[in-house]
């Protein structure tokens, strides 16, 4: 019984650490993928930056809170991979 509690606690802490790092990327506190890369061609620089930041931050906060873990973790991964591809391959 003690092992399952420890595993759950460890997974929750890891989820919060990863989510915090992604929120820091979204807010520009650490270097990482450009969240605006997917939205700038369609919305322009200012609105695209806002849309990318809000989208990445919302996905990371939902992931940290544990809402629909599989859905939000897959969405977060696809957003980061798509933004990275748009930033590095299309520019």
PDB file of N, CA and C in Angstrom:
ATOM      1  N   UNK A   1       0.819  -1.197   0.000  1.00  0.00           N
ATOM      2  CA  UNK A   1       0.000   0.000   0.000  1.00  0.00           C
ATOM      3  C   UNK A   1       0.862   1.260   0.000  1.00  0.00           C
ATOM      4  N   UNK A   2       1.959   1.215   0.680  1.00  0.00           N
ATOM      5  CA  UNK A   2       2.848   2.369   0.773  1.00  0.00           C
ATOM      6  C   UNK A   2       3.468   2.698  -0.587  1.00  0.00           C
ATOM      7  N   UNK A   3       3.751   1.683  -1.405  1.00  0.00           N
ATOM      8  CA  UNK A   3       4.375   1.931  -2.701  1.00  0.00           C
ATOM      9  C   UNK A   3       3.444   2.664  -3.662  1.00  0.00           C
ATOM     10  N   UNK A   4       2.168   2.333  -3.661  1.00  0.00           N
ATOM     11  CA  UNK A   4       1.246   3.005  -4.580  1.00  0.00           C
ATOM     12  C   UNK A   4       1.076   4.478  -4.209  1.00  0.00           C
ATOM     13  N   UNK A   5       1.065   4.799  -2.930  1.00  0.00           N
ATOM     14  CA  UNK A   5       0.968   6.195  -2.502  1.00  0.00           C
ATOM     15  C   UNK A   5       2.207   6.960  -2.926  1.00  0.00           C
ATOM     16  N   UNK A   6       3.370   6.319  -2.781  1.00  0.00           N
ATOM     17  CA  UNK A   6       4.628   6.957  -3.165  1.00  0.00           C
ATOM     18  C   UNK A   6       4.700   7.174  -4.672  1.00  0.00           C
ATOM     19  N   UNK A   7       4.245   6.199  -5.453  1.00  0.00           N
ATOM     20  CA  UNK A   7       4.238   6.343  -6.905  1.00  0.00           C
ATOM     21  C   UNK A   7       3.305   7.472  -7.350  1.00  0.00           C
ATOM     22  N   UNK A   8       2.133   7.547  -6.749  1.00  0.00           N
ATOM     23  CA  UNK A   8       1.185   8.609  -7.089  1.00  0.00           C
ATOM     24  C   UNK A   8       1.758   9.984  -6.749  1.00  0.00           C
ATOM     25  N   UNK A   9       2.381  10.096  -5.605  1.00  0.00           N
ATOM     26  CA  UNK A   9       2.977  11.370  -5.191  1.00  0.00           C
ATOM     27  C   UNK A   9       4.111  11.765  -6.126  1.00  0.00           C
ATOM     28  N   UNK A  10       4.940  10.815  -6.490  1.00  0.00           N
ATOM     29  CA  UNK A  10       6.058  11.112  -7.390  1.00  0.00           C
ATOM     30  C   UNK A  10       5.563  11.544  -8.764  1.00  0.00           C
ATOM     31  N   UNK A  11       4.548  10.876  -9.301  1.00  0.00           N
ATOM     32  CA  UNK A  11       4.005  11.261 -10.605  1.00  0.00           C
ATOM     33  C   UNK A  11       3.367  12.645 -10.560  1.00  0.00           C
ATOM     34  N   UNK A  12       2.711  12.966  -9.470  1.00  0.00           N
ATOM     35  CA  UNK A  12       2.105  14.285  -9.330  1.00  0.00           C
ATOM     36  C   UNK A  12       3.171  15.376  -9.263  1.00  0.00           C
ATOM     37  N   UNK A  13       4.237  15.125  -8.527  1.00  0.00           N
ATOM     38  CA  UNK A  13       5.317  16.116  -8.427  1.00  0.00           C
ATOM     39  C   UNK A  13       5.997  16.306  -9.775  1.00  0.00           C
ATOM     40  N   UNK A  14       6.236  15.222 -10.504  1.00  0.00           N
ATOM     41  CA  UNK A  14       6.850  15.331 -11.829  1.00  0.00           C
ATOM     42  C   UNK A  14       5.941  16.102 -12.772  1.00  0.00           C
ATOM     43  N   UNK A  15       4.631  15.830 -12.710  1.00  0.00           N
ATOM     44  CA  UNK A  15       3.683  16.551 -13.566  1.00  0.00           C
ATOM     45  C   UNK A  15       3.697  18.044 -13.261  1.00  0.00           C
ATOM     46  N   UNK A  16       3.784  18.410 -11.993  1.00  0.00           N
ATOM     47  CA  UNK A  16       3.808  19.823 -11.617  1.00  0.00           C
ATOM     48  C   UNK A  16       5.111  20.485 -12.053  1.00  0.00           C
ATOM     49  N   UNK A  17       6.233  19.791 -11.933  1.00  0.00           N
ATOM     50  CA  UNK A  17       7.517  20.362 -12.360  1.00  0.00           C
ATOM     51  C   UNK A  17       7.541  20.591 -13.868  1.00  0.00           C
ATOM     52  N   UNK A  18       7.091  19.606 -14.636  1.00  0.00           N
ATOM     53  CA  UNK A  18       7.062  19.760 -16.100  1.00  0.00           C
ATOM     54  C   UNK A  18       6.100  20.873 -16.499  1.00  0.00           C
ATOM     55  N   UNK A  19       4.929  20.918 -15.878  1.00  0.00           N
ATOM     56  CA  UNK A  19       3.965  21.974 -16.177  1.00  0.00           C
ATOM     57  C   UNK A  19       4.479  23.351 -15.829  1.00  0.00           C
ATOM     58  N   UNK A  20       5.195  23.469 -14.723  1.00  0.00           N
ATOM     59  CA  UNK A  20       5.777  24.759 -14.331  1.00  0.00           C
ATOM     60  C   UNK A  20       6.821  25.220 -15.341  1.00  0.00           C
ATOM     61  N   UNK A  21       7.617  24.280 -15.830  1.00  0.00           N
ATOM     62  CA  UNK A  21       8.612  24.627 -16.849  1.00  0.00           C
ATOM     63  C   UNK A  21       7.942  25.115 -18.132  1.00  0.00           C
ATOM     64  N   UNK A  22       6.858  24.475 -18.533  1.00  0.00           N
ATOM     65  CA  UNK A  22       6.162  24.896 -19.752  1.00  0.00           C
ATOM     66  C   UNK A  22       5.489  26.246 -19.550  1.00  0.00           C
ATOM     67  N   UNK A  23       4.946  26.508 -18.373  1.00  0.00           N
ATOM     68  CA  UNK A  23       4.374  27.831 -18.087  1.00  0.00           C
ATOM     69  C   UNK A  23       5.475  28.894 -18.143  1.00  0.00           C
ATOM     70  N   UNK A  24       6.655  28.565 -17.622  1.00  0.00           N
ATOM     71  CA  UNK A  24       7.777  29.512 -17.680  1.00  0.00           C
ATOM     72  C   UNK A  24       8.182  29.788 -19.123  1.00  0.00           C
ATOM     73  N   UNK A  25       8.127  28.775 -19.982  1.00  0.00           N
ATOM     74  CA  UNK A  25       8.400  28.986 -21.404  1.00  0.00           C
ATOM     75  C   UNK A  25       7.337  29.912 -21.998  1.00  0.00           C
ATOM     76  N   UNK A  26       6.071  29.659 -21.671  1.00  0.00           N
ATOM     77  CA  UNK A  26       4.979  30.474 -22.206  1.00  0.00           C
ATOM     78  C   UNK A  26       5.100  31.931 -21.790  1.00  0.00           C
ATOM     79  N   UNK A  27       5.549  32.168 -20.576  1.00  0.00           N
ATOM     80  CA  UNK A  27       5.668  33.545 -20.083  1.00  0.00           C
ATOM     81  C   UNK A  27       6.985  34.201 -20.457  1.00  0.00           C
ATOM     82  N   UNK A  28       7.883  33.460 -21.095  1.00  0.00           N
ATOM     83  CA  UNK A  28       9.157  34.026 -21.529  1.00  0.00           C
ATOM     84  C   UNK A  28      10.198  34.107 -20.426  1.00  0.00           C
ATOM     85  N   UNK A  29      10.035  33.348 -19.359  1.00  0.00           N
ATOM     86  CA  UNK A  29      10.989  33.384 -18.258  1.00  0.00           C
ATOM     87  C   UNK A  29      12.218  32.516 -18.527  1.00  0.00           C
ATOM     88  N   UNK A  30      12.070  31.492 -19.353  1.00  0.00           N
ATOM     89  CA  UNK A  30      13.190  30.634 -19.743  1.00  0.00           C
ATOM     90  C   UNK A  30      13.174  30.482 -21.261  1.00  0.00           C
ATOM     91  N   UNK A  31      14.329  30.154 -21.819  1.00  0.00           N
ATOM     92  CA  UNK A  31      14.431  29.968 -23.268  1.00  0.00           C
ATOM     93  C   UNK A  31      13.790  28.640 -23.644  1.00  0.00           C
ATOM     94  N   UNK A  32      13.079  28.650 -24.725  1.00  0.00           N
ATOM     95  CA  UNK A  32      12.432  27.429 -25.197  1.00  0.00           C
ATOM     96  C   UNK A  32      11.776  27.685 -26.538  1.00  0.00           C
ATOM     97  N   UNK A  33      10.791  26.901 -26.834  1.00  0.00           N
ATOM     98  CA  UNK A  33      10.068  27.030 -28.093  1.00  0.00           C
ATOM     99  C   UNK A  33       9.282  28.342 -28.102  1.00  0.00           C
ATOM    100  N   UNK A  34       9.119  28.909 -29.286  1.00  0.00           N
ATOM    101  CA  UNK A  34       8.350  30.147 -29.434  1.00  0.00           C
ATOM    102  C   UNK A  34       6.870  29.795 -29.542  1.00  0.00           C
ATOM    103  N   UNK A  35       6.061  30.105 -28.545  1.00  0.00           N
ATOM    104  CA  UNK A  35       4.649  29.719 -28.610  1.00  0.00           C
ATOM    105  C   UNK A  35       3.868  30.459 -29.692  1.00  0.00           C
ATOM    106  N   UNK A  36       4.392  31.565 -30.184  1.00  0.00           N
ATOM    107  CA  UNK A  36       3.674  32.340 -31.196  1.00  0.00           C
ATOM    108  C   UNK A  36       3.917  31.836 -32.605  1.00  0.00           C
ATOM    109  N   UNK A  37       4.826  30.902 -32.789  1.00  0.00           N
ATOM    110  CA  UNK A  37       5.230  30.483 -34.136  1.00  0.00           C
ATOM    111  C   UNK A  37       4.070  29.917 -34.955  1.00  0.00           C
ATOM    112  N   UNK A  38       3.126  29.274 -34.318  1.00  0.00           N
ATOM    113  CA  UNK A  38       1.992  28.712 -35.055  1.00  0.00           C
ATOM    114  C   UNK A  38       0.953  29.756 -35.436  1.00  0.00           C
ATOM    115  N   UNK A  39       0.873  30.828 -34.684  1.00  0.00           N
ATOM    116  CA  UNK A  39      -0.204  31.788 -34.871  1.00  0.00           C
ATOM    117  C   UNK A  39       0.187  33.047 -35.632  1.00  0.00           C
ATOM    118  N   UNK A  40       1.472  33.371 -35.679  1.00  0.00           N
ATOM    119  CA  UNK A  40       1.919  34.622 -36.315  1.00  0.00           C
ATOM    120  C   UNK A  40       1.542  34.699 -37.794  1.00  0.00           C
ATOM    121  N   UNK A  41       1.677  33.626 -38.596  1.00  0.00           N
ATOM    122  CA  UNK A  41       1.307  33.770 -40.014  1.00  0.00           C
ATOM    123  C   UNK A  41      -0.168  34.117 -40.233  1.00  0.00           C
ATOM    124  N   UNK A  42      -1.041  33.653 -39.346  1.00  0.00           N
ATOM    125  CA  UNK A  42      -2.469  33.888 -39.539  1.00  0.00           C
ATOM    126  C   UNK A  42      -2.976  35.135 -38.822  1.00  0.00           C
ATOM    127  N   UNK A  43      -2.387  35.467 -37.667  1.00  0.00           N
ATOM    128  CA  UNK A  43      -2.949  36.545 -36.842  1.00  0.00           C
ATOM    129  C   UNK A  43      -2.083  37.792 -36.755  1.00  0.00           C
ATOM    130  N   UNK A  44      -0.863  37.732 -37.211  1.00  0.00           N
ATOM    131  CA  UNK A  44       0.039  38.866 -37.056  1.00  0.00           C
ATOM    132  C   UNK A  44       0.873  38.716 -35.797  1.00  0.00           C
ATOM    133  N   UNK A  45       1.932  39.546 -35.667  1.00  0.00           N
ATOM    134  CA  UNK A  45       2.879  39.358 -34.558  1.00  0.00           C
ATOM    135  C   UNK A  45       2.293  39.575 -33.157  1.00  0.00           C
ATOM    136  N   UNK A  46       1.575  40.649 -32.939  1.00  0.00           N
ATOM    137  CA  UNK A  46       1.089  40.955 -31.583  1.00  0.00           C
ATOM    138  C   UNK A  46      -0.001  39.977 -31.144  1.00  0.00           C
ATOM    139  N   UNK A  47      -0.991  39.777 -31.997  1.00  0.00           N
ATOM    140  CA  UNK A  47      -2.089  38.875 -31.662  1.00  0.00           C
ATOM    141  C   UNK A  47      -1.619  37.428 -31.641  1.00  0.00           C
ATOM    142  N   UNK A  48      -0.717  37.067 -32.537  1.00  0.00           N
ATOM    143  CA  UNK A  48      -0.177  35.709 -32.561  1.00  0.00           C
ATOM    144  C   UNK A  48       0.610  35.382 -31.306  1.00  0.00           C
ATOM    145  N   UNK A  49       1.372  36.361 -30.824  1.00  0.00           N
ATOM    146  CA  UNK A  49       2.123  36.156 -29.588  1.00  0.00           C
ATOM    147  C   UNK A  49       1.172  35.963 -28.413  1.00  0.00           C
ATOM    148  N   UNK A  50       0.129  36.768 -28.342  1.00  0.00           N
ATOM    149  CA  UNK A  50      -0.859  36.634 -27.267  1.00  0.00           C
ATOM    150  C   UNK A  50      -1.586  35.293 -27.350  1.00  0.00           C
ATOM    151  N   UNK A  51      -2.002  34.894 -28.543  1.00  0.00           N
ATOM    152  CA  UNK A  51      -2.719  33.629 -28.709  1.00  0.00           C
ATOM    153  C   UNK A  51      -1.830  32.440 -28.353  1.00  0.00           C
ATOM    154  N   UNK A  52      -0.577  32.474 -28.768  1.00  0.00           N
ATOM    155  CA  UNK A  52       0.340  31.384 -28.443  1.00  0.00           C
ATOM    156  C   UNK A  52       0.630  31.290 -26.964  1.00  0.00           C
ATOM    157  N   UNK A  53       0.841  32.429 -26.327  1.00  0.00           N
ATOM    158  CA  UNK A  53       1.120  32.438 -24.893  1.00  0.00           C
ATOM    159  C   UNK A  53      -0.076  31.939 -24.096  1.00  0.00           C
ATOM    160  N   UNK A  54      -1.261  32.406 -24.434  1.00  0.00           N
ATOM    161  CA  UNK A  54      -2.465  31.982 -23.717  1.00  0.00           C
ATOM    162  C   UNK A  54      -2.733  30.498 -23.939  1.00  0.00           C
ATOM    163  N   UNK A  55      -2.571  30.025 -25.158  1.00  0.00           N
ATOM    164  CA  UNK A  55      -2.814  28.611 -25.454  1.00  0.00           C
ATOM    165  C   UNK A  55      -1.840  27.713 -24.703  1.00  0.00           C
ATOM    166  N   UNK A  56      -0.546  28.027 -24.771  1.00  0.00           N
ATOM    167  CA  UNK A  56       0.455  27.203 -24.102  1.00  0.00           C
ATOM    168  C   UNK A  56       0.280  27.246 -22.584  1.00  0.00           C
ATOM    169  N   UNK A  57      -0.002  28.407 -22.047  1.00  0.00           N
ATOM    170  CA  UNK A  57      -0.194  28.541 -20.597  1.00  0.00           C
ATOM    171  C   UNK A  57      -1.451  27.781 -20.152  1.00  0.00           C
ATOM    172  N   UNK A  58      -2.525  27.870 -20.906  1.00  0.00           N
ATOM    173  CA  UNK A  58      -3.760  27.165 -20.545  1.00  0.00           C
ATOM    174  C   UNK A  58      -3.579  25.654 -20.608  1.00  0.00           C
ATOM    175  N   UNK A  59      -2.895  25.167 -21.642  1.00  0.00           N
ATOM    176  CA  UNK A  59      -2.635  23.728 -21.737  1.00  0.00           C
ATOM    177  C   UNK A  59      -1.766  23.248 -20.578  1.00  0.00           C
ATOM    178  N   UNK A  60      -0.746  24.021 -20.236  1.00  0.00           N
ATOM    179  CA  UNK A  60       0.145  23.627 -19.140  1.00  0.00           C
ATOM    180  C   UNK A  60      -0.571  23.657 -17.795  1.00  0.00           C
ATOM    181  N   UNK A  61      -1.412  24.649 -17.567  1.00  0.00           N
ATOM    182  CA  UNK A  61      -2.148  24.725 -16.299  1.00  0.00           C
ATOM    183  C   UNK A  61      -3.165  23.592 -16.168  1.00  0.00           C
ATOM    184  N   UNK A  62      -3.832  23.248 -17.268  1.00  0.00           N
ATOM    185  CA  UNK A  62      -4.768  22.118 -17.225  1.00  0.00           C
ATOM    186  C   UNK A  62      -4.023  20.808 -16.995  1.00  0.00           C
ATOM    187  N   UNK A  63      -2.832  20.675 -17.590  1.00  0.00           N
ATOM    188  CA  UNK A  63      -1.995  19.489 -17.385  1.00  0.00           C
ATOM    189  C   UNK A  63      -1.552  19.391 -15.929  1.00  0.00           C
ATOM    190  N   UNK A  64      -1.133  20.507 -15.349  1.00  0.00           N
ATOM    191  CA  UNK A  64      -0.699  20.499 -13.951  1.00  0.00           C
ATOM    192  C   UNK A  64      -1.859  20.187 -13.006  1.00  0.00           C
ATOM    193  N   UNK A  65      -3.050  20.672 -13.320  1.00  0.00           N
ATOM    194  CA  UNK A  65      -4.207  20.437 -12.466  1.00  0.00           C
ATOM    195  C   UNK A  65      -4.718  19.006 -12.563  1.00  0.00           C
ATOM    196  N   UNK A  66      -4.353  18.306 -13.626  1.00  0.00           N
ATOM    197  CA  UNK A  66      -4.745  16.914 -13.776  1.00  0.00           C
ATOM    198  C   UNK A  66      -6.065  16.702 -14.484  1.00  0.00           C
ATOM    199  N   UNK A  67      -6.584  17.725 -15.146  1.00  0.00           N
ATOM    200  CA  UNK A  67      -7.835  17.586 -15.894  1.00  0.00           C
ATOM    201  C   UNK A  67      -7.553  16.828 -17.186  1.00  0.00           C
ATOM    202  N   UNK A  68      -8.190  15.717 -17.403  1.00  0.00           N
ATOM    203  CA  UNK A  68      -8.034  14.975 -18.647  1.00  0.00           C
ATOM    204  C   UNK A  68      -6.581  14.781 -19.011  1.00  0.00           C
ATOM    205  N   UNK A  69      -5.846  14.101 -18.178  1.00  0.00           N
ATOM    206  CA  UNK A  69      -4.389  14.040 -18.322  1.00  0.00           C
ATOM    207  C   UNK A  69      -3.936  13.595 -19.696  1.00  0.00           C
ATOM    208  N   UNK A  70      -4.542  12.570 -20.237  1.00  0.00           N
ATOM    209  CA  UNK A  70      -4.099  12.074 -21.552  1.00  0.00           C
ATOM    210  C   UNK A  70      -4.383  13.082 -22.647  1.00  0.00           C
ATOM    211  N   UNK A  71      -5.550  13.692 -22.604  1.00  0.00           N
ATOM    212  CA  UNK A  71      -5.914  14.670 -23.621  1.00  0.00           C
ATOM    213  C   UNK A  71      -5.011  15.891 -23.562  1.00  0.00           C
ATOM    214  N   UNK A  72      -4.818  16.443 -22.375  1.00  0.00           N
ATOM    215  CA  UNK A  72      -4.024  17.663 -22.266  1.00  0.00           C
ATOM    216  C   UNK A  72      -2.533  17.405 -22.429  1.00  0.00           C
ATOM    217  N   UNK A  73      -2.049  16.236 -22.020  1.00  0.00           N
ATOM    218  CA  UNK A  73      -0.624  15.951 -22.246  1.00  0.00           C
ATOM    219  C   UNK A  73      -0.347  15.748 -23.730  1.00  0.00           C
ATOM    220  N   UNK A  74      -1.262  15.090 -24.439  1.00  0.00           N
ATOM    221  CA  UNK A  74      -1.086  14.930 -25.890  1.00  0.00           C
ATOM    222  C   UNK A  74      -1.202  16.281 -26.592  1.00  0.00           C
ATOM    223  N   UNK A  75      -2.151  17.109 -26.179  1.00  0.00           N
ATOM    224  CA  UNK A  75      -2.314  18.435 -26.787  1.00  0.00           C
ATOM    225  C   UNK A  75      -1.093  19.308 -26.533  1.00  0.00           C
ATOM    226  N   UNK A  76      -0.567  19.245 -25.335  1.00  0.00           N
ATOM    227  CA  UNK A  76       0.627  20.012 -24.982  1.00  0.00           C
ATOM    228  C   UNK A  76       1.823  19.549 -25.810  1.00  0.00           C
ATOM    229  N   UNK A  77       1.988  18.251 -25.952  1.00  0.00           N
ATOM    230  CA  UNK A  77       3.090  17.726 -26.758  1.00  0.00           C
ATOM    231  C   UNK A  77       2.952  18.126 -28.215  1.00  0.00           C
ATOM    232  N   UNK A  78       1.757  18.029 -28.777  1.00  0.00           N
ATOM    233  CA  UNK A  78       1.552  18.421 -30.173  1.00  0.00           C
ATOM    234  C   UNK A  78       1.771  19.915 -30.380  1.00  0.00           C
ATOM    235  N   UNK A  79       1.362  20.720 -29.417  1.00  0.00           N
ATOM    236  CA  UNK A  79       1.571  22.166 -29.531  1.00  0.00           C
ATOM    237  C   UNK A  79       3.052  22.504 -29.515  1.00  0.00           C
ATOM    238  N   UNK A  80       3.808  21.888 -28.602  1.00  0.00           N
ATOM    239  CA  UNK A  80       5.245  22.167 -28.514  1.00  0.00           C
ATOM    240  C   UNK A  80       5.973  21.667 -29.754  1.00  0.00           C
ATOM    241  N   UNK A  81       5.639  20.478 -30.237  1.00  0.00           N
ATOM    242  CA  UNK A  81       6.282  19.950 -31.445  1.00  0.00           C
ATOM    243  C   UNK A  81       5.916  20.789 -32.660  1.00  0.00           C
ATOM    244  N   UNK A  82       4.650  21.162 -32.773  1.00  0.00           N
ATOM    245  CA  UNK A  82       4.226  22.002 -33.898  1.00  0.00           C
ATOM    246  C   UNK A  82       4.863  23.367 -33.876  1.00  0.00           C
ATOM    247  N   UNK A  83       4.959  23.984 -32.713  1.00  0.00           N
ATOM    248  CA  UNK A  83       5.604  25.293 -32.602  1.00  0.00           C
ATOM    249  C   UNK A  83       7.089  25.203 -32.918  1.00  0.00           C
ATOM    250  N   UNK A  84       7.725  24.140 -32.460  1.00  0.00           N
ATOM    251  CA  UNK A  84       9.143  23.952 -32.750  1.00  0.00           C
ATOM    252  C   UNK A  84       9.383  23.757 -34.230  1.00  0.00           C
ATOM    253  N   UNK A  85       8.526  22.964 -34.855  1.00  0.00           N
ATOM    254  CA  UNK A  85       8.662  22.747 -36.308  1.00  0.00           C
ATOM    255  C   UNK A  85       8.415  24.038 -37.084  1.00  0.00           C
ATOM    256  N   UNK A  86       7.392  24.786 -36.679  1.00  0.00           N
ATOM    257  CA  UNK A  86       7.107  26.052 -37.360  1.00  0.00           C
ATOM    258  C   UNK A  86       8.238  27.062 -37.155  1.00  0.00           C
ATOM    259  N   UNK A  87       8.838  27.065 -35.977  1.00  0.00           N
ATOM    260  CA  UNK A  87       9.901  28.005 -35.659  1.00  0.00           C
ATOM    261  C   UNK A  87      11.189  27.668 -36.403  1.00  0.00           C
ATOM    262  N   UNK A  88      11.522  26.381 -36.474  1.00  0.00           N
ATOM    263  CA  UNK A  88      12.812  25.987 -37.010  1.00  0.00           C
ATOM    264  C   UNK A  88      12.779  25.575 -38.486  1.00  0.00           C
ATOM    265  N   UNK A  89      11.680  25.074 -38.969  1.00  0.00           N
ATOM    266  CA  UNK A  89      11.634  24.575 -40.338  1.00  0.00           C
ATOM    267  C   UNK A  89      10.963  25.527 -41.326  1.00  0.00           C
ATOM    268  N   UNK A  90      10.100  26.393 -40.845  1.00  0.00           N
ATOM    269  CA  UNK A  90       9.368  27.272 -41.743  1.00  0.00           C
ATOM    270  C   UNK A  90       9.905  28.697 -41.793  1.00  0.00           C
ATOM    271  N   UNK A  91      10.833  29.040 -40.924  1.00  0.00           N
ATOM    272  CA  UNK A  91      11.311  30.422 -40.924  1.00  0.00           C
ATOM    273  C   UNK A  91      12.549  30.592 -41.768  1.00  0.00           C
TER     274      UNK A  91
END
